[in-house]
PDB file of N, CA and C in Angstrom:
ATOM      1  N   MET A   1      28.803  29.790  -7.414  1.00  0.00           N
ATOM      2  CA  MET A   1      27.333  30.029  -7.742  1.00  0.00           C
ATOM      3  C   MET A   1      27.079  31.612  -8.085  1.00  0.00           C
ATOM      4  N   ASP A   2      28.389  32.462  -7.282  1.00  0.00           N
ATOM      5  CA  ASP A   2      28.401  33.883  -7.491  1.00  0.00           C
ATOM      6  C   ASP A   2      28.888  34.217  -9.456  1.00  0.00           C
ATOM      7  N   PHE A   3      29.468  33.839  -9.668  1.00  0.00           N
ATOM      8  CA  PHE A   3      29.761  33.820 -11.555  1.00  0.00           C
ATOM      9  C   PHE A   3      28.705  33.289 -12.108  1.00  0.00           C
ATOM     10  N   LEU A   4      27.395  32.524 -11.492  1.00  0.00           N
ATOM     11  CA  LEU A   4      26.399  31.946 -12.294  1.00  0.00           C
ATOM     12  C   LEU A   4      25.346  33.249 -12.175  1.00  0.00           C
ATOM     13  N   ASN A   5      25.208  33.738 -11.097  1.00  0.00           N
ATOM     14  CA  ASN A   5      24.105  34.667 -10.427  1.00  0.00           C
ATOM     15  C   ASN A   5      24.536  36.280 -11.238  1.00  0.00           C
ATOM     16  N   ARG A   6      25.858  36.190 -11.138  1.00  0.00           N
ATOM     17  CA  ARG A   6      25.980  37.718 -12.295  1.00  0.00           C
ATOM     18  C   ARG A   6      25.605  37.433 -13.605  1.00  0.00           C
ATOM     19  N   ARG A   7      25.677  36.140 -14.070  1.00  0.00           N
ATOM     20  CA  ARG A   7      24.817  36.199 -15.766  1.00  0.00           C
ATOM     21  C   ARG A   7      23.160  36.017 -15.808  1.00  0.00           C
ATOM     22  N   LEU A   8      23.016  35.694 -14.543  1.00  0.00           N
ATOM     23  CA  LEU A   8      21.364  35.911 -14.709  1.00  0.00           C
ATOM     24  C   LEU A   8      20.778  37.347 -14.864  1.00  0.00           C
ATOM     25  N   LYS A   9      19.726  37.475 -15.535  1.00  0.00           N
ATOM     26  CA  LYS A   9      18.993  38.295 -15.585  1.00  0.00           C
ATOM     27  C   LYS A   9      17.901  38.626 -14.497  1.00  0.00           C
ATOM     28  N   ARG A  10      17.058  37.328 -14.568  1.00  0.00           N
ATOM     29  CA  ARG A  10      15.859  37.632 -13.795  1.00  0.00           C
ATOM     30  C   ARG A  10      15.593  36.347 -12.756  1.00  0.00           C
ATOM     31  N   SER A  11      17.128  35.880 -12.529  1.00  0.00           N
ATOM     32  CA  SER A  11      16.745  34.439 -11.179  1.00  0.00           C
ATOM     33  C   SER A  11      18.127  34.544 -10.668  1.00  0.00           C
ATOM     34  N   TRP A  12      18.007  33.696  -9.588  1.00  0.00           N
ATOM     35  CA  TRP A  12      19.195  33.676  -8.959  1.00  0.00           C
ATOM     36  C   TRP A  12      19.376  32.082  -8.777  1.00  0.00           C
ATOM     37  N   VAL A  13      20.630  31.800  -8.222  1.00  0.00           N
ATOM     38  CA  VAL A  13      20.874  30.227  -7.444  1.00  0.00           C
ATOM     39  C   VAL A  13      21.454  30.128  -6.352  1.00  0.00           C
ATOM     40  N   VAL A  14      20.629  29.695  -5.137  1.00  0.00           N
ATOM     41  CA  VAL A  14      21.272  29.377  -3.973  1.00  0.00           C
ATOM     42  C   VAL A  14      21.908  27.815  -3.735  1.00  0.00           C
ATOM     43  N   ASN A  15      23.177  28.099  -3.372  1.00  0.00           N
ATOM     44  CA  ASN A  15      23.818  26.783  -3.119  1.00  0.00           C
ATOM     45  C   ASN A  15      23.852  26.293  -1.523  1.00  0.00           C
ATOM     46  N   GLN A  16      23.134  25.072  -1.376  1.00  0.00           N
ATOM     47  CA  GLN A  16      22.929  24.571   0.255  1.00  0.00           C
ATOM     48  C   GLN A  16      23.758  23.504   0.224  1.00  0.00           C
ATOM     49  N   GLY A  17      24.967  23.144  -0.904  1.00  0.00           N
ATOM     50  CA  GLY A  17      25.608  21.757  -0.637  1.00  0.00           C
ATOM     51  C   GLY A  17      26.963  22.103   0.437  1.00  0.00           C
ATOM     52  N   ILE A  18      26.747  20.946   1.022  1.00  0.00           N
ATOM     53  CA  ILE A  18      27.754  20.919   2.383  1.00  0.00           C
ATOM     54  C   ILE A  18      28.613  19.464   1.850  1.00  0.00           C
ATOM     55  N   ALA A  19      29.579  19.757   1.471  1.00  0.00           N
ATOM     56  CA  ALA A  19      30.910  18.745   1.387  1.00  0.00           C
ATOM     57  C   ALA A  19      30.803  17.768   2.167  1.00  0.00           C
ATOM     58  N   GLY A  20      30.885  16.674   1.906  1.00  0.00           N
ATOM     59  CA  GLY A  20      30.948  15.123   3.060  1.00  0.00           C
ATOM     60  C   GLY A  20      29.331  15.285   3.564  1.00  0.00           C
ATOM     61  N   ASN A  21      28.256  15.980   2.786  1.00  0.00           N
ATOM     62  CA  ASN A  21      27.056  15.699   3.130  1.00  0.00           C
ATOM     63  C   ASN A  21      26.304  14.410   2.601  1.00  0.00           C
ATOM     64  N   ARG A  22      26.047  13.792   3.538  1.00  0.00           N
ATOM     65  CA  ARG A  22      25.044  12.242   2.858  1.00  0.00           C
ATOM     66  C   ARG A  22      23.518  12.696   2.774  1.00  0.00           C
ATOM     67  N   LEU A  23      22.634  11.979   1.784  1.00  0.00           N
ATOM     68  CA  LEU A  23      21.215  11.356   1.672  1.00  0.00           C
ATOM     69  C   LEU A  23      20.688  11.327   2.755  1.00  0.00           C
ATOM     70  N   LEU A  24      20.846   9.741   3.245  1.00  0.00           N
ATOM     71  CA  LEU A  24      20.425   9.047   3.989  1.00  0.00           C
ATOM     72  C   LEU A  24      21.091   9.165   5.791  1.00  0.00           C
ATOM     73  N   ARG A  25      22.295   9.449   6.101  1.00  0.00           N
ATOM     74  CA  ARG A  25      22.818   9.385   7.228  1.00  0.00           C
ATOM     75  C   ARG A  25      23.595  10.469   7.437  1.00  0.00           C
ATOM     76  N   ASP A  26      23.451  11.123   9.072  1.00  0.00           N
ATOM     77  CA  ASP A  26      24.458  12.139   9.123  1.00  0.00           C
ATOM     78  C   ASP A  26      25.613  11.774   9.212  1.00  0.00           C
ATOM     79  N   GLU A  27      26.271  12.926   8.620  1.00  0.00           N
ATOM     80  CA  GLU A  27      28.022  12.904   8.934  1.00  0.00           C
ATOM     81  C   GLU A  27      28.380  14.139   8.697  1.00  0.00           C
ATOM     82  N   VAL A  28      28.498  15.115   7.655  1.00  0.00           N
ATOM     83  CA  VAL A  28      28.856  16.176   7.993  1.00  0.00           C
ATOM     84  C   VAL A  28      27.626  17.088   7.853  1.00  0.00           C
ATOM     85  N   GLY A  29      27.031  17.484   9.173  1.00  0.00           N
ATOM     86  CA  GLY A  29      26.031  18.185   9.344  1.00  0.00           C
ATOM     87  C   GLY A  29      24.509  17.070   9.100  1.00  0.00           C
ATOM     88  N   GLU A  30      23.797  17.335   9.284  1.00  0.00           N
ATOM     89  CA  GLU A  30      22.496  16.787   9.319  1.00  0.00           C
ATOM     90  C   GLU A  30      22.204  15.843   7.412  1.00  0.00           C
ATOM     91  N   HIS A  31      21.800  14.855   7.477  1.00  0.00           N
ATOM     92  CA  HIS A  31      21.798  14.059   5.895  1.00  0.00           C
ATOM     93  C   HIS A  31      20.607  15.013   5.432  1.00  0.00           C
ATOM     94  N   GLY A  32      20.693  14.626   3.872  1.00  0.00           N
ATOM     95  CA  GLY A  32      19.693  15.804   3.068  1.00  0.00           C
ATOM     96  C   GLY A  32      18.225  15.174   3.133  1.00  0.00           C
ATOM     97  N   LEU A  33      17.728  14.454   3.667  1.00  0.00           N
ATOM     98  CA  LEU A  33      16.513  14.175   3.719  1.00  0.00           C
ATOM     99  C   LEU A  33      15.985  14.968   5.060  1.00  0.00           C
ATOM    100  N   ALA A  34      16.822  15.143   6.058  1.00  0.00           N
ATOM    101  CA  ALA A  34      16.750  15.899   7.539  1.00  0.00           C
ATOM    102  C   ALA A  34      16.438  17.283   7.313  1.00  0.00           C
ATOM    103  N   ARG A  35      17.415  17.833   6.085  1.00  0.00           N
ATOM    104  CA  ARG A  35      17.239  19.256   5.912  1.00  0.00           C
ATOM    105  C   ARG A  35      16.989  19.684   4.581  1.00  0.00           C
ATOM    106  N   PHE A  36      16.234  18.661   4.285  1.00  0.00           N
ATOM    107  CA  PHE A  36      15.072  19.307   3.192  1.00  0.00           C
ATOM    108  C   PHE A  36      13.879  20.506   2.898  1.00  0.00           C
ATOM    109  N   ASP A  37      13.721  20.171   3.764  1.00  0.00           N
ATOM    110  CA  ASP A  37      12.226  21.353   4.217  1.00  0.00           C
ATOM    111  C   ASP A  37      12.902  22.974   4.498  1.00  0.00           C
ATOM    112  N   ARG A  38      13.902  22.696   5.440  1.00  0.00           N
ATOM    113  CA  ARG A  38      14.636  24.074   6.076  1.00  0.00           C
ATOM    114  C   ARG A  38      15.517  24.254   4.848  1.00  0.00           C
ATOM    115  N   ASP A  39      16.388  23.729   4.178  1.00  0.00           N
ATOM    116  CA  ASP A  39      17.070  24.190   3.332  1.00  0.00           C
ATOM    117  C   ASP A  39      16.667  24.603   1.800  1.00  0.00           C
ATOM    118  N   VAL A  40      15.687  23.643   1.588  1.00  0.00           N
ATOM    119  CA  VAL A  40      14.712  23.653   0.410  1.00  0.00           C
ATOM    120  C   VAL A  40      13.407  24.536   0.425  1.00  0.00           C
ATOM    121  N   LEU A  41      12.687  23.884   0.904  1.00  0.00           N
ATOM    122  CA  LEU A  41      11.358  24.484   0.935  1.00  0.00           C
ATOM    123  C   LEU A  41      10.911  25.786   1.198  1.00  0.00           C
ATOM    124  N   SER A  42      11.834  26.150   2.374  1.00  0.00           N
ATOM    125  CA  SER A  42      11.906  27.543   2.875  1.00  0.00           C
ATOM    126  C   SER A  42      12.162  28.567   2.130  1.00  0.00           C
ATOM    127  N   ILE A  43      12.719  28.309   0.882  1.00  0.00           N
ATOM    128  CA  ILE A  43      13.099  29.540   0.334  1.00  0.00           C
ATOM    129  C   ILE A  43      12.130  30.152  -0.571  1.00  0.00           C
ATOM    130  N   PRO A  44      12.018  31.314  -0.207  1.00  0.00           N
ATOM    131  CA  PRO A  44      10.515  31.925  -0.963  1.00  0.00           C
ATOM    132  C   PRO A  44      10.931  32.054  -2.632  1.00  0.00           C
ATOM    133  N   GLY A  45      10.019  31.790  -3.228  1.00  0.00           N
ATOM    134  CA  GLY A  45       9.784  31.939  -4.789  1.00  0.00           C
ATOM    135  C   GLY A  45      10.483  30.679  -5.614  1.00  0.00           C
ATOM    136  N   LEU A  46      10.868  29.572  -4.919  1.00  0.00           N
ATOM    137  CA  LEU A  46      11.584  28.678  -5.386  1.00  0.00           C
ATOM    138  C   LEU A  46      10.692  28.002  -6.651  1.00  0.00           C
ATOM    139  N   THR A  47      11.282  27.717  -7.515  1.00  0.00           N
ATOM    140  CA  THR A  47      10.908  26.707  -8.582  1.00  0.00           C
ATOM    141  C   THR A  47      11.341  25.561  -8.793  1.00  0.00           C
ATOM    142  N   HIS A  48      13.013  25.514  -8.887  1.00  0.00           N
ATOM    143  CA  HIS A  48      13.232  23.997  -9.124  1.00  0.00           C
ATOM    144  C   HIS A  48      14.663  24.066  -8.066  1.00  0.00           C
ATOM    145  N   VAL A  49      14.874  22.458  -8.113  1.00  0.00           N
ATOM    146  CA  VAL A  49      16.096  22.081  -6.886  1.00  0.00           C
ATOM    147  C   VAL A  49      16.542  20.839  -7.465  1.00  0.00           C
ATOM    148  N   LEU A  50      18.026  21.239  -7.865  1.00  0.00           N
ATOM    149  CA  LEU A  50      19.104  20.088  -8.082  1.00  0.00           C
ATOM    150  C   LEU A  50      19.478  19.261  -7.074  1.00  0.00           C
ATOM    151  N   VAL A  51      19.261  17.954  -6.997  1.00  0.00           N
ATOM    152  CA  VAL A  51      20.173  17.214  -5.818  1.00  0.00           C
ATOM    153  C   VAL A  51      21.242  16.482  -6.260  1.00  0.00           C
ATOM    154  N   HIS A  52      22.222  16.823  -5.725  1.00  0.00           N
ATOM    155  CA  HIS A  52      23.088  15.664  -6.079  1.00  0.00           C
ATOM    156  C   HIS A  52      23.381  15.181  -4.651  1.00  0.00           C
ATOM    157  N   PHE A  53      23.013  14.078  -4.521  1.00  0.00           N
ATOM    158  CA  PHE A  53      23.649  13.263  -3.670  1.00  0.00           C
ATOM    159  C   PHE A  53      24.269  11.571  -4.103  1.00  0.00           C
ATOM    160  N   GLY A  54      24.404  11.126  -3.210  1.00  0.00           N
ATOM    161  CA  GLY A  54      24.972   9.707  -2.978  1.00  0.00           C
ATOM    162  C   GLY A  54      26.344   8.975  -3.193  1.00  0.00           C
ATOM    163  N   ILE A  55      27.165   9.887  -3.370  1.00  0.00           N
ATOM    164  CA  ILE A  55      28.331   9.461  -3.723  1.00  0.00           C
ATOM    165  C   ILE A  55      29.037   9.154  -2.427  1.00  0.00           C
ATOM    166  N   ASN A  56      28.460   9.993  -1.046  1.00  0.00           N
ATOM    167  CA  ASN A  56      29.337   9.720   0.058  1.00  0.00           C
ATOM    168  C   ASN A  56      28.700   8.809   0.868  1.00  0.00           C
ATOM    169  N   ASP A  57      27.277   8.591   0.338  1.00  0.00           N
ATOM    170  CA  ASP A  57      26.400   7.433   1.287  1.00  0.00           C
ATOM    171  C   ASP A  57      27.271   6.419   0.564  1.00  0.00           C
ATOM    172  N   LEU A  58      27.856   6.436  -0.491  1.00  0.00           N
ATOM    173  CA  LEU A  58      28.551   4.982  -0.821  1.00  0.00           C
ATOM    174  C   LEU A  58      29.680   5.026  -0.391  1.00  0.00           C
ATOM    175  N   GLY A  59      30.716   5.929  -0.380  1.00  0.00           N
ATOM    176  CA  GLY A  59      31.916   5.851  -0.171  1.00  0.00           C
ATOM    177  C   GLY A  59      32.597   5.961   1.469  1.00  0.00           C
ATOM    178  N   LEU A  60      31.567   7.016   2.165  1.00  0.00           N
ATOM    179  CA  LEU A  60      31.855   7.075   3.481  1.00  0.00           C
ATOM    180  C   LEU A  60      31.312   6.166   4.135  1.00  0.00           C
ATOM    181  N   ALA A  61      30.463   5.171   3.964  1.00  0.00           N
ATOM    182  CA  ALA A  61      29.719   4.046   4.846  1.00  0.00           C
ATOM    183  C   ALA A  61      31.137   3.284   5.255  1.00  0.00           C
ATOM    184  N   GLY A  62      31.896   2.717   4.158  1.00  0.00           N
ATOM    185  CA  GLY A  62      32.853   1.699   4.104  1.00  0.00           C
ATOM    186  C   GLY A  62      34.303   2.439   5.097  1.00  0.00           C
ATOM    187  N   MET A  63      34.622   3.411   4.482  1.00  0.00           N
ATOM    188  CA  MET A  63      35.436   4.196   5.396  1.00  0.00           C
ATOM    189  C   MET A  63      35.147   4.452   7.190  1.00  0.00           C
ATOM    190  N   SER A  64      33.933   4.462   7.655  1.00  0.00           N
ATOM    191  CA  SER A  64      33.323   4.754   8.950  1.00  0.00           C
ATOM    192  C   SER A  64      33.432   3.201   9.807  1.00  0.00           C
ATOM    193  N   GLY A  65      33.553   1.936   8.429  1.00  0.00           N
ATOM    194  CA  GLY A  65      32.842   1.058   9.464  1.00  0.00           C
ATOM    195  C   GLY A  65      31.623   0.647   9.300  1.00  0.00           C
ATOM    196  N   GLU A  66      30.895   1.174   8.838  1.00  0.00           N
ATOM    197  CA  GLU A  66      29.022   1.136   8.407  1.00  0.00           C
ATOM    198  C   GLU A  66      28.990   0.180   7.773  1.00  0.00           C
ATOM    199  N   ALA A  67      27.632  -0.194   7.746  1.00  0.00           N
ATOM    200  CA  ALA A  67      27.171  -0.926   6.874  1.00  0.00           C
ATOM    201  C   ALA A  67      27.004  -0.494   5.585  1.00  0.00           C
ATOM    202  N   PRO A  68      27.338  -0.969   4.399  1.00  0.00           N
ATOM    203  CA  PRO A  68      27.231  -0.105   3.184  1.00  0.00           C
ATOM    204  C   PRO A  68      25.900   0.318   2.819  1.00  0.00           C
ATOM    205  N   VAL A  69      25.596   1.458   2.298  1.00  0.00           N
ATOM    206  CA  VAL A  69      24.380   1.847   1.584  1.00  0.00           C
ATOM    207  C   VAL A  69      23.836   1.291   0.727  1.00  0.00           C
ATOM    208  N   THR A  70      22.659   0.804   0.420  1.00  0.00           N
ATOM    209  CA  THR A  70      22.232  -0.089  -0.269  1.00  0.00           C
ATOM    210  C   THR A  70      21.526   0.749  -2.107  1.00  0.00           C
ATOM    211  N   ALA A  71      21.370   0.029  -2.675  1.00  0.00           N
ATOM    212  CA  ALA A  71      20.740   0.794  -3.819  1.00  0.00           C
ATOM    213  C   ALA A  71      19.607   1.143  -3.692  1.00  0.00           C
ATOM    214  N   ASP A  72      18.613   0.218  -3.138  1.00  0.00           N
ATOM    215  CA  ASP A  72      17.371   0.156  -2.838  1.00  0.00           C
ATOM    216  C   ASP A  72      17.003   1.629  -2.117  1.00  0.00           C
ATOM    217  N   ALA A  73      18.325   1.518  -0.838  1.00  0.00           N
ATOM    218  CA  ALA A  73      17.806   2.921   0.080  1.00  0.00           C
ATOM    219  C   ALA A  73      18.206   3.800  -0.119  1.00  0.00           C
ATOM    220  N   LEU A  74      19.106   3.944  -1.603  1.00  0.00           N
ATOM    221  CA  LEU A  74      19.070   5.358  -2.633  1.00  0.00           C
ATOM    222  C   LEU A  74      18.119   6.000  -3.121  1.00  0.00           C
ATOM    223  N   ILE A  75      17.804   4.757  -3.792  1.00  0.00           N
ATOM    224  CA  ILE A  75      16.557   5.104  -4.811  1.00  0.00           C
ATOM    225  C   ILE A  75      15.116   5.567  -3.721  1.00  0.00           C
ATOM    226  N   GLU A  76      14.956   4.729  -2.626  1.00  0.00           N
ATOM    227  CA  GLU A  76      13.992   5.498  -1.772  1.00  0.00           C
ATOM    228  C   GLU A  76      13.967   6.694  -1.068  1.00  0.00           C
ATOM    229  N   GLY A  77      15.419   7.281  -0.591  1.00  0.00           N
ATOM    230  CA  GLY A  77      15.615   8.395  -0.287  1.00  0.00           C
ATOM    231  C   GLY A  77      15.427   9.306  -1.557  1.00  0.00           C
ATOM    232  N   PHE A  78      15.931   8.975  -2.626  1.00  0.00           N
ATOM    233  CA  PHE A  78      15.510  10.141  -3.786  1.00  0.00           C
ATOM    234  C   PHE A  78      13.953  10.388  -4.181  1.00  0.00           C
ATOM    235  N   LYS A  79      13.600   8.867  -3.811  1.00  0.00           N
ATOM    236  CA  LYS A  79      11.512   9.050  -4.344  1.00  0.00           C
ATOM    237  C   LYS A  79      11.228   9.998  -3.084  1.00  0.00           C
ATOM    238  N   ALA A  80      11.657   9.756  -1.846  1.00  0.00           N
ATOM    239  CA  ALA A  80      11.260  10.785  -0.833  1.00  0.00           C
ATOM    240  C   ALA A  80      11.136  12.284  -1.300  1.00  0.00           C
ATOM    241  N   LEU A  81      12.358  12.726  -1.328  1.00  0.00           N
ATOM    242  CA  LEU A  81      13.158  14.144  -1.924  1.00  0.00           C
ATOM    243  C   LEU A  81      12.119  14.686  -3.121  1.00  0.00           C
ATOM    244  N   ALA A  82      11.957  13.693  -3.996  1.00  0.00           N
ATOM    245  CA  ALA A  82      10.961  13.971  -5.226  1.00  0.00           C
ATOM    246  C   ALA A  82       9.601  14.408  -4.716  1.00  0.00           C
ATOM    247  N   HIS A  83       9.273  13.146  -3.923  1.00  0.00           N
ATOM    248  CA  HIS A  83       7.476  13.412  -3.293  1.00  0.00           C
ATOM    249  C   HIS A  83       7.225  14.891  -2.721  1.00  0.00           C
ATOM    250  N   ARG A  84       8.439  15.250  -1.750  1.00  0.00           N
ATOM    251  CA  ARG A  84       7.938  16.338  -0.893  1.00  0.00           C
ATOM    252  C   ARG A  84       8.464  17.621  -2.050  1.00  0.00           C
ATOM    253  N   ALA A  85       9.237  17.491  -2.968  1.00  0.00           N
ATOM    254  CA  ALA A  85       9.564  18.720  -4.012  1.00  0.00           C
ATOM    255  C   ALA A  85       8.083  18.729  -5.323  1.00  0.00           C
ATOM    256  N   HIS A  86       7.432  17.444  -5.467  1.00  0.00           N
ATOM    257  CA  HIS A  86       6.583  17.560  -6.336  1.00  0.00           C
ATOM    258  C   HIS A  86       5.296  18.366  -5.400  1.00  0.00           C
ATOM    259  N   LYS A  87       5.324  17.709  -4.230  1.00  0.00           N
ATOM    260  CA  LYS A  87       4.026  18.168  -3.154  1.00  0.00           C
ATOM    261  C   LYS A  87       4.443  19.713  -3.023  1.00  0.00           C
ATOM    262  N   ALA A  88       5.467  20.537  -2.986  1.00  0.00           N
ATOM    263  CA  ALA A  88       5.607  21.630  -2.922  1.00  0.00           C
ATOM    264  C   ALA A  88       5.504  22.314  -4.252  1.00  0.00           C
ATOM    265  N   ASP A  89       5.196  21.615  -5.587  1.00  0.00           N
ATOM    266  CA  ASP A  89       4.852  22.392  -6.853  1.00  0.00           C
ATOM    267  C   ASP A  89       6.395  22.729  -7.532  1.00  0.00           C
ATOM    268  N   LEU A  90       7.568  22.028  -6.669  1.00  0.00           N
ATOM    269  CA  LEU A  90       8.742  22.394  -7.140  1.00  0.00           C
ATOM    270  C   LEU A  90       9.500  21.152  -8.469  1.00  0.00           C
ATOM    271  N   LYS A  91      10.115  21.729  -9.517  1.00  0.00           N
ATOM    272  CA  LYS A  91      10.657  20.586 -10.578  1.00  0.00           C
ATOM    273  C   LYS A  91      11.789  20.181  -9.675  1.00  0.00           C
ATOM    274  N   ILE A  92      12.253  19.006  -9.686  1.00  0.00           N
ATOM    275  CA  ILE A  92      13.083  18.421  -9.105  1.00  0.00           C
ATOM    276  C   ILE A  92      14.006  17.675 -10.165  1.00  0.00           C
ATOM    277  N   LEU A  93      15.321  18.069 -10.119  1.00  0.00           N
ATOM    278  CA  LEU A  93      16.353  17.676 -10.718  1.00  0.00           C
ATOM    279  C   LEU A  93      17.262  16.882  -9.932  1.00  0.00           C
ATOM    280  N   ALA A  94      18.019  15.424 -10.772  1.00  0.00           N
ATOM    281  CA  ALA A  94      19.141  14.803  -9.868  1.00  0.00           C
ATOM    282  C   ALA A  94      20.473  14.943 -10.533  1.00  0.00           C
ATOM    283  N   ALA A  95      21.260  15.054  -9.939  1.00  0.00           N
ATOM    284  CA  ALA A  95      22.475  14.887 -10.857  1.00  0.00           C
ATOM    285  C   ALA A  95      23.168  13.663 -10.811  1.00  0.00           C
ATOM    286  N   THR A  96      23.934  12.829 -11.495  1.00  0.00           N
ATOM    287  CA  THR A  96      23.783  11.564 -11.232  1.00  0.00           C
ATOM    288  C   THR A  96      25.481  11.267 -10.731  1.00  0.00           C
ATOM    289  N   ILE A  97      25.336  10.576 -10.022  1.00  0.00           N
ATOM    290  CA  ILE A  97      26.645   9.732  -9.539  1.00  0.00           C
ATOM    291  C   ILE A  97      27.613   9.256 -10.163  1.00  0.00           C
ATOM    292  N   GLY A  98      28.521  10.141 -10.296  1.00  0.00           N
ATOM    293  CA  GLY A  98      29.702   9.660 -11.287  1.00  0.00           C
ATOM    294  C   GLY A  98      30.675   8.434 -11.288  1.00  0.00           C
ATOM    295  N   PRO A  99      30.979   8.137 -12.567  1.00  0.00           N
ATOM    296  CA  PRO A  99      31.375   6.398 -11.889  1.00  0.00           C
ATOM    297  C   PRO A  99      32.898   6.525 -11.819  1.00  0.00           C
ATOM    298  N   SER A 100      33.155   7.308 -11.130  1.00  0.00           N
ATOM    299  CA  SER A 100      34.829   7.302 -10.818  1.00  0.00           C
ATOM    300  C   SER A 100      34.971   7.605  -9.105  1.00  0.00           C
ATOM    301  N   ARG A 101      36.166   7.651  -8.687  1.00  0.00           N
ATOM    302  CA  ARG A 101      36.686   7.498  -7.299  1.00  0.00           C
ATOM    303  C   ARG A 101      36.861   9.254  -6.830  1.00  0.00           C
ATOM    304  N   ALA A 102      36.666   9.814  -7.795  1.00  0.00           N
ATOM    305  CA  ALA A 102      36.809  11.344  -7.593  1.00  0.00           C
ATOM    306  C   ALA A 102      36.127  11.938  -6.729  1.00  0.00           C
ATOM    307  N   SER A 103      36.326  12.819  -5.820  1.00  0.00           N
ATOM    308  CA  SER A 103      35.657  13.260  -4.664  1.00  0.00           C
ATOM    309  C   SER A 103      35.156  14.393  -5.569  1.00  0.00           C
ATOM    310  N   SER A 104      33.634  14.673  -5.057  1.00  0.00           N
ATOM    311  CA  SER A 104      32.416  15.406  -5.587  1.00  0.00           C
ATOM    312  C   SER A 104      31.635  16.325  -4.316  1.00  0.00           C
ATOM    313  N   THR A 105      30.945  17.512  -4.936  1.00  0.00           N
ATOM    314  CA  THR A 105      30.747  18.475  -3.687  1.00  0.00           C
ATOM    315  C   THR A 105      29.151  18.122  -3.850  1.00  0.00           C
ATOM    316  N   PRO A 106      28.616  17.144  -2.874  1.00  0.00           N
ATOM    317  CA  PRO A 106      26.914  16.685  -3.173  1.00  0.00           C
ATOM    318  C   PRO A 106      26.463  17.728  -2.353  1.00  0.00           C
ATOM    319  N   GLY A 107      25.059  17.563  -2.705  1.00  0.00           N
ATOM    320  CA  GLY A 107      24.319  18.704  -1.480  1.00  0.00           C
ATOM    321  C   GLY A 107      23.182  19.242  -2.367  1.00  0.00           C
ATOM    322  N   LEU A 108      22.524  20.189  -2.124  1.00  0.00           N
ATOM    323  CA  LEU A 108      21.451  20.684  -2.609  1.00  0.00           C
ATOM    324  C   LEU A 108      21.666  22.007  -3.360  1.00  0.00           C
ATOM    325  N   LYS A 109      21.071  21.938  -4.478  1.00  0.00           N
ATOM    326  CA  LYS A 109      21.566  23.490  -5.390  1.00  0.00           C
ATOM    327  C   LYS A 109      20.158  23.852  -5.689  1.00  0.00           C
ATOM    328  N   ILE A 110      20.000  25.223  -4.940  1.00  0.00           N
ATOM    329  CA  ILE A 110      18.450  25.715  -5.110  1.00  0.00           C
ATOM    330  C   ILE A 110      18.531  26.737  -6.555  1.00  0.00           C
ATOM    331  N   PHE A 111      17.521  26.229  -7.239  1.00  0.00           N
ATOM    332  CA  PHE A 111      17.324  27.752  -8.360  1.00  0.00           C
ATOM    333  C   PHE A 111      15.730  28.328  -8.422  1.00  0.00           C
ATOM    334  N   ARG A 112      16.323  29.721  -8.541  1.00  0.00           N
ATOM    335  CA  ARG A 112      14.677  30.022  -8.581  1.00  0.00           C
ATOM    336  C   ARG A 112      14.785  31.061  -9.979  1.00  0.00           C
ATOM    337  N   TYR A 113      13.802  30.871 -10.804  1.00  0.00           N
ATOM    338  CA  TYR A 113      13.535  31.699 -11.601  1.00  0.00           C
ATOM    339  C   TYR A 113      12.307  32.471 -11.990  1.00  0.00           C
TER     340      TYR A 113
END
């Protein structure tokens, strides 16, 4: 993010991502739905939010013996974030869940323009 911030002339980017974090359940810190207001909506001058969750919701449940998260549950979680973002007059963008087993860093990427 620091590299991107140096290139931006009239805006900045805040990265609130937590490696291993999930949208629906606590694992590494509070889940995304629980921390959205604090980590996103509290940022002054915010205009956009990029949400990148899902891979850990799908993968970590099986590793820890939990019941798998359903696609419907993830969709409802993303809809809840979108509703909260739109209610705060933010544009919300969602990154896709990649089609590989490779690790990613899901979380909240916050943009101010």
